[in-house]
Amino acid sequence: MPKQSMRIELAADIRANFNAPDRKTAGESLQLTIVKYATSVPKLSAWLEENLSDSFSVFGFPLQH
């Protein structure tokens, strides 16, 4: 986890990925998030790239779920 001061911003960035209207947009948003943290927190950026897109399977669920 990055510095305490970055946690609120990071949480908002991750939340924005899941608030996307569809999986394609979420993936595009994730790529922007990965690039954003690539220099300042490279381990986090690598973790996001390796793990977060797997969570986008929720976009395949019916809206009722």
PDB file of N, CA and C in Angstrom:
ATOM      1  N   MET A   1       0.848  -1.170   0.000  1.00  0.00           N
ATOM      2  CA  MET A   1       0.000   0.000   0.000  1.00  0.00           C
ATOM      3  C   MET A   1       0.893   1.232   0.000  1.00  0.00           C
ATOM      4  N   PRO A   2       0.534   2.218  -0.782  1.00  0.00           N
ATOM      5  CA  PRO A   2       1.350   3.427  -0.823  1.00  0.00           C
ATOM      6  C   PRO A   2       1.229   4.224   0.475  1.00  0.00           C
ATOM      7  N   LYS A   3       1.878   5.334   0.474  1.00  0.00           N
ATOM      8  CA  LYS A   3       1.853   6.208   1.648  1.00  0.00           C
ATOM      9  C   LYS A   3       0.424   6.527   2.065  1.00  0.00           C
ATOM     10  N   GLN A   4       0.250   6.751   3.345  1.00  0.00           N
ATOM     11  CA  GLN A   4      -1.070   7.072   3.907  1.00  0.00           C
ATOM     12  C   GLN A   4      -1.739   8.210   3.133  1.00  0.00           C
ATOM     13  N   SER A   5      -0.957   9.196   2.761  1.00  0.00           N
ATOM     14  CA  SER A   5      -1.512  10.356   2.072  1.00  0.00           C
ATOM     15  C   SER A   5      -2.076  10.021   0.692  1.00  0.00           C
ATOM     16  N   MET A   6      -1.665   8.888   0.114  1.00  0.00           N
ATOM     17  CA  MET A   6      -2.132   8.490  -1.212  1.00  0.00           C
ATOM     18  C   MET A   6      -3.342   7.562  -1.169  1.00  0.00           C
ATOM     19  N   ARG A   7      -3.679   7.045  -0.015  1.00  0.00           N
ATOM     20  CA  ARG A   7      -4.714   6.011   0.081  1.00  0.00           C
ATOM     21  C   ARG A   7      -6.086   6.489  -0.373  1.00  0.00           C
ATOM     22  N   ILE A   8      -6.469   7.687  -0.028  1.00  0.00           N
ATOM     23  CA  ILE A   8      -7.781   8.206  -0.426  1.00  0.00           C
ATOM     24  C   ILE A   8      -7.845   8.345  -1.945  1.00  0.00           C
ATOM     25  N   GLU A   9      -6.795   8.891  -2.525  1.00  0.00           N
ATOM     26  CA  GLU A   9      -6.747   9.060  -3.977  1.00  0.00           C
ATOM     27  C   GLU A   9      -6.752   7.696  -4.677  1.00  0.00           C
ATOM     28  N   LEU A  10      -5.963   6.763  -4.171  1.00  0.00           N
ATOM     29  CA  LEU A  10      -5.914   5.428  -4.759  1.00  0.00           C
ATOM     30  C   LEU A  10      -7.272   4.742  -4.676  1.00  0.00           C
ATOM     31  N   ALA A  11      -7.917   4.835  -3.533  1.00  0.00           N
ATOM     32  CA  ALA A  11      -9.244   4.229  -3.364  1.00  0.00           C
ATOM     33  C   ALA A  11     -10.228   4.818  -4.375  1.00  0.00           C
ATOM     34  N   ALA A  12     -10.168   6.109  -4.585  1.00  0.00           N
ATOM     35  CA  ALA A  12     -11.056   6.765  -5.558  1.00  0.00           C
ATOM     36  C   ALA A  12     -10.748   6.288  -6.974  1.00  0.00           C
ATOM     37  N   ASP A  13      -9.476   6.112  -7.287  1.00  0.00           N
ATOM     38  CA  ASP A  13      -9.098   5.640  -8.620  1.00  0.00           C
ATOM     39  C   ASP A  13      -9.593   4.219  -8.862  1.00  0.00           C
ATOM     40  N   ILE A  14      -9.436   3.352  -7.875  1.00  0.00           N
ATOM     41  CA  ILE A  14      -9.906   1.970  -8.018  1.00  0.00           C
ATOM     42  C   ILE A  14     -11.430   1.931  -8.113  1.00  0.00           C
ATOM     43  N   ARG A  15     -12.091   2.720  -7.282  1.00  0.00           N
ATOM     44  CA  ARG A  15     -13.554   2.779  -7.307  1.00  0.00           C
ATOM     45  C   ARG A  15     -14.044   3.248  -8.680  1.00  0.00           C
ATOM     46  N   ALA A  16     -13.348   4.188  -9.276  1.00  0.00           N
ATOM     47  CA  ALA A  16     -13.733   4.691 -10.597  1.00  0.00           C
ATOM     48  C   ALA A  16     -13.713   3.569 -11.639  1.00  0.00           C
ATOM     49  N   ASN A  17     -12.772   2.644 -11.501  1.00  0.00           N
ATOM     50  CA  ASN A  17     -12.728   1.511 -12.429  1.00  0.00           C
ATOM     51  C   ASN A  17     -14.009   0.689 -12.341  1.00  0.00           C
ATOM     52  N   PHE A  18     -14.463   0.436 -11.136  1.00  0.00           N
ATOM     53  CA  PHE A  18     -15.652  -0.388 -10.940  1.00  0.00           C
ATOM     54  C   PHE A  18     -16.954   0.381 -11.161  1.00  0.00           C
ATOM     55  N   ASN A  19     -16.886   1.689 -11.192  1.00  0.00           N
ATOM     56  CA  ASN A  19     -18.074   2.498 -11.478  1.00  0.00           C
ATOM     57  C   ASN A  19     -18.245   2.744 -12.976  1.00  0.00           C
ATOM     58  N   ALA A  20     -17.362   2.178 -13.765  1.00  0.00           N
ATOM     59  CA  ALA A  20     -17.460   2.330 -15.221  1.00  0.00           C
ATOM     60  C   ALA A  20     -18.747   1.675 -15.717  1.00  0.00           C
ATOM     61  N   PRO A  21     -19.279   2.155 -16.823  1.00  0.00           N
ATOM     62  CA  PRO A  21     -20.544   1.608 -17.318  1.00  0.00           C
ATOM     63  C   PRO A  21     -20.432   0.205 -17.916  1.00  0.00           C
ATOM     64  N   ASP A  22     -19.219  -0.201 -18.319  1.00  0.00           N
ATOM     65  CA  ASP A  22     -19.052  -1.528 -18.917  1.00  0.00           C
ATOM     66  C   ASP A  22     -17.596  -1.982 -18.744  1.00  0.00           C
ATOM     67  N   ARG A  23     -17.353  -3.248 -19.080  1.00  0.00           N
ATOM     68  CA  ARG A  23     -16.027  -3.837 -18.885  1.00  0.00           C
ATOM     69  C   ARG A  23     -14.962  -3.139 -19.741  1.00  0.00           C
ATOM     70  N   LYS A  24     -15.309  -2.783 -20.965  1.00  0.00           N
ATOM     71  CA  LYS A  24     -14.344  -2.123 -21.852  1.00  0.00           C
ATOM     72  C   LYS A  24     -13.872  -0.802 -21.247  1.00  0.00           C
ATOM     73  N   THR A  25     -14.802  -0.010 -20.792  1.00  0.00           N
ATOM     74  CA  THR A  25     -14.468   1.276 -20.182  1.00  0.00           C
ATOM     75  C   THR A  25     -13.685   1.069 -18.888  1.00  0.00           C
ATOM     76  N   ALA A  26     -14.039   0.048 -18.130  1.00  0.00           N
ATOM     77  CA  ALA A  26     -13.303  -0.260 -16.896  1.00  0.00           C
ATOM     78  C   ALA A  26     -11.859  -0.614 -17.215  1.00  0.00           C
ATOM     79  N   GLY A  27     -11.652  -1.391 -18.275  1.00  0.00           N
ATOM     80  CA  GLY A  27     -10.296  -1.754 -18.679  1.00  0.00           C
ATOM     81  C   GLY A  27      -9.479  -0.544 -19.110  1.00  0.00           C
ATOM     82  N   GLU A  28     -10.123   0.354 -19.829  1.00  0.00           N
ATOM     83  CA  GLU A  28      -9.438   1.583 -20.252  1.00  0.00           C
ATOM     84  C   GLU A  28      -9.083   2.441 -19.040  1.00  0.00           C
ATOM     85  N   SER A  29     -10.003   2.531 -18.105  1.00  0.00           N
ATOM     86  CA  SER A  29      -9.761   3.289 -16.881  1.00  0.00           C
ATOM     87  C   SER A  29      -8.633   2.657 -16.070  1.00  0.00           C
ATOM     88  N   LEU A  30      -8.619   1.336 -16.022  1.00  0.00           N
ATOM     89  CA  LEU A  30      -7.554   0.632 -15.304  1.00  0.00           C
ATOM     90  C   LEU A  30      -6.193   0.942 -15.914  1.00  0.00           C
ATOM     91  N   GLN A  31      -6.115   0.961 -17.233  1.00  0.00           N
ATOM     92  CA  GLN A  31      -4.837   1.268 -17.881  1.00  0.00           C
ATOM     93  C   GLN A  31      -4.346   2.664 -17.502  1.00  0.00           C
ATOM     94  N   LEU A  32      -5.256   3.614 -17.413  1.00  0.00           N
ATOM     95  CA  LEU A  32      -4.877   4.966 -16.986  1.00  0.00           C
ATOM     96  C   LEU A  32      -4.380   4.957 -15.540  1.00  0.00           C
ATOM     97  N   THR A  33      -5.026   4.166 -14.703  1.00  0.00           N
ATOM     98  CA  THR A  33      -4.616   4.060 -13.299  1.00  0.00           C
ATOM     99  C   THR A  33      -3.240   3.424 -13.197  1.00  0.00           C
ATOM    100  N   ILE A  34      -2.988   2.392 -13.977  1.00  0.00           N
ATOM    101  CA  ILE A  34      -1.687   1.722 -13.977  1.00  0.00           C
ATOM    102  C   ILE A  34      -0.592   2.705 -14.373  1.00  0.00           C
ATOM    103  N   VAL A  35      -0.822   3.454 -15.423  1.00  0.00           N
ATOM    104  CA  VAL A  35       0.164   4.441 -15.891  1.00  0.00           C
ATOM    105  C   VAL A  35       0.368   5.529 -14.836  1.00  0.00           C
ATOM    106  N   LYS A  36      -0.708   5.947 -14.206  1.00  0.00           N
ATOM    107  CA  LYS A  36      -0.631   7.014 -13.199  1.00  0.00           C
ATOM    108  C   LYS A  36       0.332   6.655 -12.065  1.00  0.00           C
ATOM    109  N   TYR A  37       0.306   5.388 -11.628  1.00  0.00           N
ATOM    110  CA  TYR A  37       1.127   4.977 -10.494  1.00  0.00           C
ATOM    111  C   TYR A  37       2.424   4.277 -10.885  1.00  0.00           C
ATOM    112  N   ALA A  38       2.677   4.122 -12.174  1.00  0.00           N
ATOM    113  CA  ALA A  38       3.853   3.378 -12.637  1.00  0.00           C
ATOM    114  C   ALA A  38       5.172   3.973 -12.139  1.00  0.00           C
ATOM    115  N   THR A  39       5.258   5.270 -12.067  1.00  0.00           N
ATOM    116  CA  THR A  39       6.500   5.913 -11.634  1.00  0.00           C
ATOM    117  C   THR A  39       6.573   6.067 -10.121  1.00  0.00           C
ATOM    118  N   SER A  40       5.497   6.518  -9.523  1.00  0.00           N
ATOM    119  CA  SER A  40       5.523   6.819  -8.090  1.00  0.00           C
ATOM    120  C   SER A  40       5.426   5.571  -7.210  1.00  0.00           C
ATOM    121  N   VAL A  41       4.674   4.566  -7.644  1.00  0.00           N
ATOM    122  CA  VAL A  41       4.502   3.333  -6.857  1.00  0.00           C
ATOM    123  C   VAL A  41       4.509   2.151  -7.829  1.00  0.00           C
ATOM    124  N   PRO A  42       5.673   1.793  -8.362  1.00  0.00           N
ATOM    125  CA  PRO A  42       5.730   0.766  -9.403  1.00  0.00           C
ATOM    126  C   PRO A  42       5.221  -0.612  -8.960  1.00  0.00           C
ATOM    127  N   LYS A  43       5.439  -0.981  -7.711  1.00  0.00           N
ATOM    128  CA  LYS A  43       4.936  -2.283  -7.246  1.00  0.00           C
ATOM    129  C   LYS A  43       3.409  -2.312  -7.252  1.00  0.00           C
ATOM    130  N   LEU A  44       2.805  -1.218  -6.846  1.00  0.00           N
ATOM    131  CA  LEU A  44       1.346  -1.115  -6.871  1.00  0.00           C
ATOM    132  C   LEU A  44       0.841  -1.173  -8.306  1.00  0.00           C
ATOM    133  N   SER A  45       1.492  -0.454  -9.182  1.00  0.00           N
ATOM    134  CA  SER A  45       1.097  -0.442 -10.586  1.00  0.00           C
ATOM    135  C   SER A  45       1.150  -1.856 -11.167  1.00  0.00           C
ATOM    136  N   ALA A  46       2.209  -2.589 -10.870  1.00  0.00           N
ATOM    137  CA  ALA A  46       2.334  -3.966 -11.350  1.00  0.00           C
ATOM    138  C   ALA A  46       1.240  -4.845 -10.760  1.00  0.00           C
ATOM    139  N   TRP A  47       0.935  -4.661  -9.476  1.00  0.00           N
ATOM    140  CA  TRP A  47      -0.120  -5.445  -8.829  1.00  0.00           C
ATOM    141  C   TRP A  47      -1.470  -5.161  -9.478  1.00  0.00           C
ATOM    142  N   LEU A  48      -1.761  -3.891  -9.727  1.00  0.00           N
ATOM    143  CA  LEU A  48      -3.021  -3.533 -10.381  1.00  0.00           C
ATOM    144  C   LEU A  48      -3.132  -4.209 -11.734  1.00  0.00           C
ATOM    145  N   GLU A  49      -2.060  -4.178 -12.498  1.00  0.00           N
ATOM    146  CA  GLU A  49      -2.064  -4.766 -13.835  1.00  0.00           C
ATOM    147  C   GLU A  49      -2.276  -6.279 -13.787  1.00  0.00           C
ATOM    148  N   GLU A  50      -1.680  -6.933 -12.814  1.00  0.00           N
ATOM    149  CA  GLU A  50      -1.762  -8.388 -12.711  1.00  0.00           C
ATOM    150  C   GLU A  50      -3.076  -8.876 -12.109  1.00  0.00           C
ATOM    151  N   ASN A  51      -3.700  -8.098 -11.257  1.00  0.00           N
ATOM    152  CA  ASN A  51      -4.806  -8.614 -10.461  1.00  0.00           C
ATOM    153  C   ASN A  51      -6.168  -7.956 -10.657  1.00  0.00           C
ATOM    154  N   LEU A  52      -6.214  -6.682 -10.913  1.00  0.00           N
ATOM    155  CA  LEU A  52      -7.502  -5.994 -10.861  1.00  0.00           C
ATOM    156  C   LEU A  52      -8.445  -6.371 -12.001  1.00  0.00           C
ATOM    157  N   SER A  53      -7.915  -6.597 -13.179  1.00  0.00           N
ATOM    158  CA  SER A  53      -8.808  -6.892 -14.305  1.00  0.00           C
ATOM    159  C   SER A  53      -9.585  -8.189 -14.101  1.00  0.00           C
ATOM    160  N   ASP A  54      -9.047  -9.125 -13.308  1.00  0.00           N
ATOM    161  CA  ASP A  54      -9.787 -10.361 -13.008  1.00  0.00           C
ATOM    162  C   ASP A  54     -11.099 -10.046 -12.291  1.00  0.00           C
ATOM    163  N   SER A  55     -11.115  -8.973 -11.538  1.00  0.00           N
ATOM    164  CA  SER A  55     -12.313  -8.589 -10.792  1.00  0.00           C
ATOM    165  C   SER A  55     -13.391  -8.003 -11.686  1.00  0.00           C
ATOM    166  N   PHE A  56     -13.054  -7.680 -12.908  1.00  0.00           N
ATOM    167  CA  PHE A  56     -14.023  -7.083 -13.823  1.00  0.00           C
ATOM    168  C   PHE A  56     -15.047  -8.093 -14.334  1.00  0.00           C
ATOM    169  N   SER A  57     -14.946  -9.334 -13.899  1.00  0.00           N
ATOM    170  CA  SER A  57     -15.951 -10.322 -14.295  1.00  0.00           C
ATOM    171  C   SER A  57     -17.335  -9.916 -13.795  1.00  0.00           C
ATOM    172  N   VAL A  58     -17.382  -9.044 -12.789  1.00  0.00           N
ATOM    173  CA  VAL A  58     -18.677  -8.574 -12.277  1.00  0.00           C
ATOM    174  C   VAL A  58     -19.475  -7.848 -13.349  1.00  0.00           C
ATOM    175  N   PHE A  59     -18.805  -7.333 -14.366  1.00  0.00           N
ATOM    176  CA  PHE A  59     -19.520  -6.636 -15.440  1.00  0.00           C
ATOM    177  C   PHE A  59     -20.337  -7.602 -16.280  1.00  0.00           C
ATOM    178  N   GLY A  60     -20.069  -8.898 -16.166  1.00  0.00           N
ATOM    179  CA  GLY A  60     -20.841  -9.892 -16.900  1.00  0.00           C
ATOM    180  C   GLY A  60     -22.091 -10.342 -16.169  1.00  0.00           C
ATOM    181  N   PHE A  61     -22.247  -9.938 -14.928  1.00  0.00           N
ATOM    182  CA  PHE A  61     -23.414 -10.332 -14.137  1.00  0.00           C
ATOM    183  C   PHE A  61     -24.629  -9.506 -14.544  1.00  0.00           C
ATOM    184  N   PRO A  62     -25.817 -10.093 -14.411  1.00  0.00           N
ATOM    185  CA  PRO A  62     -27.029  -9.308 -14.641  1.00  0.00           C
ATOM    186  C   PRO A  62     -27.104  -8.138 -13.649  1.00  0.00           C
ATOM    187  N   LEU A  63     -27.722  -7.065 -14.057  1.00  0.00           N
ATOM    188  CA  LEU A  63     -27.810  -5.871 -13.192  1.00  0.00           C
ATOM    189  C   LEU A  63     -28.457  -6.148 -11.849  1.00  0.00           C
ATOM    190  N   GLN A  64     -29.360  -7.121 -11.801  1.00  0.00           N
ATOM    191  CA  GLN A  64     -30.054  -7.443 -10.547  1.00  0.00           C
ATOM    192  C   GLN A  64     -29.072  -7.940  -9.480  1.00  0.00           C
ATOM    193  N   HIS A  65     -27.951  -8.471  -9.908  1.00  0.00           N
ATOM    194  CA  HIS A  65     -26.973  -9.009  -8.953  1.00  0.00           C
ATOM    195  C   HIS A  65     -26.074  -7.908  -8.480  1.00  0.00           C
TER     196      HIS A  65
END
